[in-house]
Amino acid sequence: MTTFNSPRRIDPRSFAAAQSFITGVKIYWHKDLFGTLRSEYEHRVDVSGKAPQTVDDVEKIVAGMTTYRYYGWFERHMQKFKYAGRYGLIPWHQQERERLEKELAQKPIAPLELDPQLEMPRYYVNCDIHQHPGGVWSDPVAGFVYERASSTTTPLAGELHADMHERFTRLLEENCPAPQRVLDMGCGFGKSTGPIAAHFPQAQVDAVDLAAPVLEVAARRTKNVRFRQMDATRTDYPDGHFDLVTSTMLLHEMPPPVIEKTLAEAARVLHPGGKMVHLDFHNLRDPFARFIHYTHGRRNNEPFMEPLAEMDIAALLGKLGFKNVKIEPFAEAEGVLSPEFRAWRFPWTTITAERV
């Protein structure tokens, strides 16, 4: 459990104003600063007359650029201030702990099964992913912190991404029109699980996650889902139990051996003909986009982003017993895949496959 000693009580209006300021700076970073960096990079490439082929080539071009140094500083420190600054999410939620613990004492609206004996994997606890002090697993109120933090994970959300999860559920329906049993792996606080359950009211939806604090929040936000604390690499479901297995933004938070075990578990619990659809970050062809993505992972304490992008997922899925594998860019909003779109965005990718 991470504790912060605050010198005085945080005024709610000051907290809201500070978080709004951080979000505003992040939007500036996404749009103006990234746009300037990209333009300067493209100018240098044009002057050199030689197109970079690798991430190392890109790094040689941008490493000495003042704009890139500003870009990296803002990325690292705005995230730090968001969580752990004077008006950060951690001290605010620590101040609100009594109120939040009262909420946790109320009966959840969805079935919730916790496993206090579940051992947290070493890769999971050894890194404060997203710069979230203590991670989402170590403090009873960490799920509330993560829920609030996710609203500005992509600061353009209000402008572009409001319907991202609805778009994803429509894609699920295209692949599996009427599933009877759905498993959502790494569900977090249920941000994707809720739309899935609403979109498939006829289905029994199960959702699993390692962290009890996020499941506590999920079970108080979403109906018609069974939330269970469980490792996605080794669930207790029977072979061939599900029609559809999904995840959103899970794979990039795992090292490659764990990714392979997770996909193998998805293969095991799907019946022949069952579908698997994951939304994550993988499809990176342009060296500049790959460099930006890799350095984002380093600055944001997400060490497995780069290994996932380097994996041959299609070959792995073939080995695990999948067919009709598709790895495709995902448009979280209209126009974002157009060359004219110049703001920074995650390389959203859908990984779909059918169980042999």
Protein backbone atom coordinates (compact mmCIF):
# COMPACT_ATOMS: atom_id res chain seq x y z
CA MET A 1 0.00 0.00 0.00
CA THR A 2 1.38 3.40 -1.00
CA THR A 3 0.83 6.32 1.39
CA PHE A 4 1.35 10.03 0.85
CA ASN A 5 1.66 12.49 3.70
CA SER A 6 -0.30 15.55 2.62
CA PRO A 7 0.59 18.76 4.55
CA ARG A 8 -3.00 20.04 4.42
CA ARG A 9 -6.42 18.99 3.23
CA ILE A 10 -6.91 19.20 -0.52
CA ASP A 11 -9.76 21.46 -1.55
CA PRO A 12 -12.06 19.66 -4.03
CA ARG A 13 -12.12 22.62 -6.41
CA SER A 14 -8.35 22.88 -6.35
CA PHE A 15 -8.05 19.15 -7.07
CA ALA A 16 -10.48 19.39 -10.00
CA ALA A 17 -8.72 22.48 -11.36
CA ALA A 18 -5.29 20.87 -11.11
CA GLN A 19 -6.42 17.69 -12.85
CA SER A 20 -8.13 19.77 -15.55
CA PHE A 21 -4.90 21.73 -16.06
CA ILE A 22 -2.89 18.50 -16.40
CA THR A 23 -5.41 17.20 -18.94
CA GLY A 24 -5.17 20.46 -20.87
CA VAL A 25 -1.39 20.20 -20.99
CA LYS A 26 -1.72 16.60 -22.17
CA ILE A 27 -4.00 17.70 -25.00
CA TYR A 28 -1.41 20.32 -25.98
CA TRP A 29 1.19 17.53 -25.92
CA HIS A 30 -0.98 15.24 -28.07
CA LYS A 31 -1.75 17.87 -30.68
CA ASP A 32 0.60 20.85 -30.86
CA LEU A 33 3.81 19.44 -29.44
CA PHE A 34 3.54 16.11 -31.25
CA GLY A 35 2.58 17.89 -34.48
CA THR A 36 5.63 20.15 -34.23
CA LEU A 37 7.91 17.22 -33.45
CA ARG A 38 6.59 15.23 -36.39
CA SER A 39 6.96 18.18 -38.78
CA GLU A 40 10.55 18.84 -37.66
CA TYR A 41 11.36 15.14 -38.03
CA GLU A 42 9.88 15.01 -41.53
CA HIS A 43 11.84 18.13 -42.51
CA ARG A 44 15.10 16.56 -41.37
CA VAL A 45 14.30 13.38 -43.27
CA ASP A 46 13.58 15.40 -46.41
CA VAL A 47 16.84 17.31 -46.06
CA SER A 48 18.83 14.12 -45.58
CA GLY A 49 17.20 12.47 -48.58
CA LYS A 50 17.25 9.13 -46.79
CA ALA A 51 14.16 7.57 -45.26
CA PRO A 52 14.79 5.91 -41.84
CA GLN A 53 14.25 2.15 -41.85
CA THR A 54 14.52 1.31 -38.17
CA VAL A 55 13.75 2.71 -34.73
CA ASP A 56 17.47 3.34 -34.25
CA ASP A 57 17.51 5.42 -37.44
CA VAL A 58 14.69 7.57 -36.09
CA GLU A 59 16.38 7.97 -32.72
CA LYS A 60 19.53 9.30 -34.38
CA ILE A 61 17.44 12.00 -36.05
CA VAL A 62 15.36 13.16 -33.07
CA ALA A 63 17.66 12.55 -30.10
CA GLY A 64 19.27 15.98 -30.25
CA MET A 65 16.11 17.93 -31.07
CA THR A 66 14.97 20.42 -28.44
CA THR A 67 11.35 19.74 -29.36
CA TYR A 68 11.79 16.04 -28.68
CA ARG A 69 13.30 16.77 -25.26
CA TYR A 70 10.29 18.93 -24.39
CA TYR A 71 7.99 16.24 -25.77
CA GLY A 72 9.54 13.52 -23.59
CA TRP A 73 9.62 15.72 -20.50
CA PHE A 74 5.94 16.62 -20.76
CA GLU A 75 4.96 13.00 -21.37
CA ARG A 76 6.81 11.70 -18.33
CA HIS A 77 6.04 14.46 -15.86
CA MET A 78 2.41 15.24 -16.66
CA GLN A 79 1.67 11.58 -15.93
CA LYS A 80 3.68 11.81 -12.71
CA PHE A 81 1.81 14.94 -11.61
CA LYS A 82 -1.52 13.32 -12.54
CA TYR A 83 -0.93 10.52 -10.04
CA ALA A 84 1.48 11.69 -7.39
CA GLY A 85 1.71 15.49 -7.45
CA ARG A 86 0.32 17.76 -4.74
CA TYR A 87 -3.12 17.48 -6.34
CA GLY A 88 -2.57 14.01 -7.74
CA LEU A 89 -5.00 11.13 -7.81
CA ILE A 90 -3.17 9.18 -5.09
CA PRO A 91 -3.23 11.88 -2.37
CA TRP A 92 -6.80 12.83 -3.31
CA HIS A 93 -8.11 9.28 -2.99
CA GLN A 94 -6.15 8.78 0.21
CA GLN A 95 -7.93 11.82 1.60
CA GLU A 96 -11.27 10.36 0.45
CA ARG A 97 -10.48 6.87 1.78
CA GLU A 98 -13.17 6.79 4.48
CA ARG A 99 -15.92 7.63 1.97
CA LEU A 100 -14.60 5.13 -0.58
CA GLU A 101 -14.28 2.34 1.98
CA LYS A 102 -17.91 2.91 2.93
CA GLU A 103 -18.83 2.42 -0.72
CA LEU A 104 -16.81 -0.80 -0.77
CA ALA A 105 -18.70 -2.00 2.30
CA GLN A 106 -21.96 -1.92 0.36
CA LYS A 107 -23.08 -5.05 -1.47
CA PRO A 108 -22.04 -5.00 -5.16
CA ILE A 109 -24.72 -5.11 -7.85
CA ALA A 110 -22.97 -7.92 -9.77
CA PRO A 111 -21.65 -11.28 -8.56
CA LEU A 112 -18.09 -10.92 -7.28
CA GLU A 113 -15.71 -13.76 -6.43
CA LEU A 114 -12.39 -12.78 -4.86
CA ASP A 115 -9.44 -15.06 -4.14
CA PRO A 116 -7.31 -13.70 -1.27
CA GLN A 117 -4.84 -16.56 -1.83
CA LEU A 118 -4.18 -15.68 -5.46
CA GLU A 119 -0.46 -15.05 -5.91
CA MET A 120 0.33 -11.92 -7.90
CA PRO A 121 2.85 -12.61 -10.71
CA ARG A 122 6.25 -11.02 -10.26
CA TYR A 123 6.09 -9.08 -13.55
CA TYR A 124 2.80 -7.59 -12.36
CA VAL A 125 3.91 -6.32 -8.96
CA ASN A 126 7.47 -5.26 -9.79
CA CYS A 127 6.48 -2.31 -11.99
CA ASP A 128 4.20 0.62 -11.17
CA ILE A 129 2.58 0.49 -14.58
CA HIS A 130 1.27 3.80 -15.96
CA GLN A 131 3.30 5.43 -13.14
CA HIS A 132 0.47 4.46 -10.77
CA PRO A 133 2.25 4.24 -7.38
CA GLY A 134 1.67 0.79 -5.93
CA GLY A 135 -0.20 -0.38 -9.01
CA VAL A 136 -3.89 -1.27 -9.11
CA TRP A 137 -3.53 -4.31 -6.88
CA SER A 138 -1.96 -3.15 -3.61
CA ASP A 139 -4.45 -0.71 -2.07
CA PRO A 140 -8.19 -1.31 -1.47
CA VAL A 141 -9.08 2.04 -3.08
CA ALA A 142 -6.72 1.63 -6.06
CA GLY A 143 -9.64 0.65 -8.29
CA PHE A 144 -11.20 4.08 -7.79
CA VAL A 145 -7.86 5.70 -8.63
CA TYR A 146 -7.61 3.69 -11.83
CA GLU A 147 -11.20 4.46 -12.79
CA ARG A 148 -10.59 8.19 -12.43
CA ALA A 149 -7.21 7.97 -14.16
CA SER A 150 -8.62 6.20 -17.20
CA SER A 151 -10.78 9.19 -18.06
CA THR A 152 -7.63 11.02 -19.19
CA THR A 153 -5.49 8.10 -20.39
CA THR A 154 -6.25 9.35 -23.89
CA PRO A 155 -6.93 13.06 -23.28
CA LEU A 156 -8.59 13.46 -26.67
CA ALA A 157 -11.37 11.18 -25.41
CA GLY A 158 -13.93 13.94 -25.15
CA GLU A 159 -13.30 14.95 -28.75
CA LEU A 160 -12.62 11.62 -30.43
CA HIS A 161 -12.94 8.49 -28.37
CA ALA A 162 -16.34 8.77 -26.73
CA ASP A 163 -17.66 5.76 -28.60
CA MET A 164 -14.47 3.66 -28.73
CA HIS A 165 -15.86 0.83 -26.63
CA GLU A 166 -19.12 0.86 -28.57
CA ARG A 167 -17.11 0.54 -31.77
CA PHE A 168 -15.30 -2.42 -30.25
CA THR A 169 -18.51 -4.16 -29.25
CA ARG A 170 -19.84 -3.73 -32.80
CA LEU A 171 -16.69 -5.44 -34.03
CA LEU A 172 -17.31 -8.26 -31.58
CA GLU A 173 -20.80 -8.67 -32.98
CA GLU A 174 -19.43 -8.86 -36.53
CA ASN A 175 -17.19 -11.74 -35.48
CA CYS A 176 -19.64 -13.49 -33.16
CA PRO A 177 -23.23 -12.27 -33.68
CA ALA A 178 -24.99 -14.06 -30.82
CA PRO A 179 -22.61 -15.52 -28.23
CA GLN A 180 -24.08 -17.43 -25.33
CA ARG A 181 -20.93 -17.35 -23.17
CA VAL A 182 -18.33 -14.56 -23.20
CA LEU A 183 -15.06 -14.25 -21.28
CA ASP A 184 -13.48 -10.81 -20.85
CA MET A 185 -9.84 -11.24 -19.81
CA GLY A 186 -8.11 -8.55 -17.74
CA CYS A 187 -11.36 -6.65 -17.30
CA GLY A 188 -10.04 -3.98 -14.93
CA PHE A 189 -12.90 -1.89 -13.53
CA GLY A 190 -15.19 -3.05 -16.33
CA LYS A 191 -14.88 -0.18 -18.79
CA SER A 192 -15.15 -2.60 -21.73
CA THR A 193 -17.10 -5.30 -19.93
CA GLY A 194 -20.11 -3.06 -19.39
CA PRO A 195 -20.68 -2.31 -23.08
CA ILE A 196 -20.15 -5.99 -23.91
CA ALA A 197 -22.79 -7.07 -21.42
CA ALA A 198 -25.20 -4.41 -22.67
CA HIS A 199 -24.59 -5.35 -26.30
CA PHE A 200 -25.13 -9.09 -25.70
CA PRO A 201 -27.98 -9.24 -23.13
CA GLN A 202 -28.60 -12.89 -23.98
CA ALA A 203 -25.06 -13.92 -23.02
CA GLN A 204 -23.52 -15.06 -19.77
CA VAL A 205 -20.55 -12.72 -19.44
CA ASP A 206 -17.66 -13.64 -17.15
CA ALA A 207 -14.85 -11.17 -16.50
CA VAL A 208 -11.54 -11.92 -14.78
CA ASP A 209 -8.69 -9.82 -13.46
CA LEU A 210 -5.73 -10.25 -11.13
CA ALA A 211 -6.50 -7.22 -8.97
CA ALA A 212 -9.24 -7.30 -6.34
CA PRO A 213 -9.50 -3.47 -6.06
CA VAL A 214 -10.52 -3.01 -9.70
CA LEU A 215 -12.96 -5.92 -9.52
CA GLU A 216 -14.56 -4.31 -6.46
CA VAL A 217 -15.26 -1.22 -8.54
CA ALA A 218 -16.39 -3.20 -11.60
CA ALA A 219 -18.96 -5.16 -9.60
CA ARG A 220 -20.46 -1.87 -8.40
CA ARG A 221 -20.76 -0.39 -11.88
CA THR A 222 -21.98 -3.20 -14.15
CA LYS A 223 -24.89 -5.62 -13.99
CA ASN A 224 -25.29 -8.99 -15.69
CA VAL A 225 -21.61 -9.93 -15.38
CA ARG A 226 -19.84 -12.37 -13.06
CA PHE A 227 -16.57 -10.79 -11.92
CA ARG A 228 -13.86 -13.16 -10.70
CA GLN A 229 -10.33 -12.64 -9.36
CA MET A 230 -8.28 -14.98 -11.48
CA ASP A 231 -5.11 -15.21 -13.53
CA ALA A 232 -6.01 -15.18 -17.23
CA THR A 233 -3.22 -17.66 -17.94
CA ARG A 234 -4.88 -20.35 -15.82
CA THR A 235 -8.61 -20.05 -15.35
CA ASP A 236 -10.82 -22.80 -13.94
CA TYR A 237 -13.29 -22.92 -16.84
CA PRO A 238 -13.86 -26.21 -18.69
CA ASP A 239 -12.38 -26.83 -22.13
CA GLY A 240 -14.51 -25.36 -24.91
CA HIS A 241 -16.75 -23.42 -22.53
CA PHE A 242 -16.94 -20.05 -24.36
CA ASP A 243 -18.18 -18.76 -27.71
CA LEU A 244 -16.20 -15.53 -27.47
CA VAL A 245 -13.05 -14.46 -25.60
CA THR A 246 -12.04 -10.79 -25.52
CA SER A 247 -9.63 -8.37 -23.91
CA THR A 248 -8.89 -4.68 -24.22
CA MET A 249 -5.44 -3.26 -23.49
CA LEU A 250 -4.32 -6.38 -21.67
CA LEU A 251 -1.63 -8.02 -23.81
CA HIS A 252 0.74 -5.04 -23.84
CA GLU A 253 0.96 -5.25 -20.04
CA MET A 254 2.40 -8.79 -20.14
CA PRO A 255 5.82 -10.17 -21.05
CA PRO A 256 5.83 -12.41 -24.17
CA PRO A 257 5.83 -15.77 -22.30
CA VAL A 258 2.74 -14.66 -20.37
CA ILE A 259 1.08 -13.40 -23.57
CA GLU A 260 1.60 -16.85 -25.08
CA LYS A 261 0.09 -18.54 -22.00
CA THR A 262 -2.89 -16.17 -22.07
CA LEU A 263 -3.58 -16.83 -25.74
CA ALA A 264 -3.16 -20.56 -25.14
CA GLU A 265 -5.73 -20.35 -22.34
CA ALA A 266 -8.10 -18.52 -24.69
CA ALA A 267 -7.67 -21.37 -27.16
CA ARG A 268 -8.39 -23.94 -24.45
CA VAL A 269 -11.61 -22.37 -23.18
CA LEU A 270 -13.03 -21.66 -26.67
CA HIS A 271 -15.04 -24.35 -28.38
CA PRO A 272 -14.16 -25.21 -32.01
CA GLY A 273 -15.39 -22.34 -34.14
CA GLY A 274 -15.35 -19.96 -31.19
CA LYS A 275 -13.94 -16.47 -31.77
CA MET A 276 -11.24 -14.48 -30.01
CA VAL A 277 -10.95 -10.69 -30.34
CA HIS A 278 -8.32 -8.61 -28.55
CA LEU A 279 -7.95 -4.83 -28.74
CA ASP A 280 -4.40 -3.70 -28.09
CA PHE A 281 -1.34 -1.94 -29.56
CA HIS A 282 0.54 -3.90 -32.17
CA ASN A 283 0.24 -2.74 -35.78
CA LEU A 284 3.27 -0.46 -36.30
CA ARG A 285 4.78 -0.27 -39.77
CA ASP A 286 6.20 3.26 -39.83
CA PRO A 287 9.57 3.57 -38.01
CA PHE A 288 8.67 6.97 -36.56
CA ALA A 289 5.39 5.65 -35.11
CA ARG A 290 7.24 2.64 -33.73
CA PHE A 291 9.88 4.88 -32.10
CA ILE A 292 7.21 7.08 -30.50
CA HIS A 293 5.36 4.03 -29.22
CA TYR A 294 8.46 2.39 -27.78
CA THR A 295 9.62 5.53 -26.00
CA HIS A 296 6.12 6.09 -24.67
CA GLY A 297 6.33 2.64 -23.06
CA ARG A 298 9.65 3.51 -21.45
CA ARG A 299 8.49 6.86 -20.08
CA ASN A 300 5.12 5.60 -18.90
CA ASN A 301 6.42 2.48 -17.10
CA GLU A 302 4.99 0.06 -19.65
CA PRO A 303 7.98 -2.19 -20.38
CA PHE A 304 6.10 -4.81 -22.39
CA MET A 305 4.72 -2.53 -25.12
CA GLU A 306 7.85 -2.94 -27.20
CA PRO A 307 8.12 -6.75 -26.89
CA LEU A 308 4.47 -7.15 -27.90
CA ALA A 309 5.00 -5.02 -31.00
CA GLU A 310 7.98 -7.19 -31.94
CA MET A 311 6.11 -10.50 -31.57
CA ASP A 312 4.89 -12.53 -34.55
CA ILE A 313 1.37 -12.85 -33.21
CA ALA A 314 -0.05 -14.44 -36.36
CA ALA A 315 2.48 -17.28 -36.27
CA LEU A 316 1.90 -17.79 -32.55
CA LEU A 317 -1.87 -18.02 -32.99
CA GLY A 318 -1.45 -20.54 -35.79
CA LYS A 319 0.69 -22.67 -33.49
CA LEU A 320 -1.93 -22.43 -30.73
CA GLY A 321 -4.73 -23.76 -32.91
CA PHE A 322 -6.35 -20.69 -34.43
CA LYS A 323 -7.30 -19.97 -38.02
CA ASN A 324 -8.58 -16.94 -39.95
CA VAL A 325 -6.18 -14.72 -38.02
CA LYS A 326 -6.51 -11.00 -38.72
CA ILE A 327 -4.33 -8.26 -37.24
CA GLU A 328 -5.75 -4.93 -38.34
CA PRO A 329 -5.66 -1.23 -37.41
CA PHE A 330 -8.63 -0.17 -35.32
CA ALA A 331 -10.21 3.26 -35.80
CA GLU A 332 -11.30 4.44 -32.36
CA ALA A 333 -12.98 7.41 -34.04
CA GLU A 334 -13.77 8.68 -37.50
CA GLY A 335 -10.80 9.93 -39.49
CA VAL A 336 -7.98 8.82 -37.18
CA LEU A 337 -6.47 6.45 -39.76
CA SER A 338 -6.27 9.20 -42.37
CA PRO A 339 -2.79 10.57 -43.25
CA GLU A 340 -4.20 14.01 -42.50
CA PHE A 341 -4.71 13.15 -38.83
CA ARG A 342 -1.64 14.62 -37.13
CA ALA A 343 -2.21 14.21 -33.38
CA TRP A 344 -0.51 11.44 -31.40
CA ARG A 345 -2.65 8.36 -30.82
CA PHE A 346 -2.08 4.82 -29.64
CA PRO A 347 -1.58 2.29 -32.47
CA TRP A 348 -4.91 0.61 -31.74
CA THR A 349 -5.00 -2.86 -33.26
CA THR A 350 -7.54 -5.67 -33.28
CA ILE A 351 -6.34 -9.28 -33.16
CA THR A 352 -9.10 -11.63 -34.24
CA ALA A 353 -9.00 -15.38 -34.75
CA GLU A 354 -11.19 -18.48 -34.85
CA ARG A 355 -10.57 -21.61 -32.84
CA VAL A 356 -9.88 -24.62 -35.06
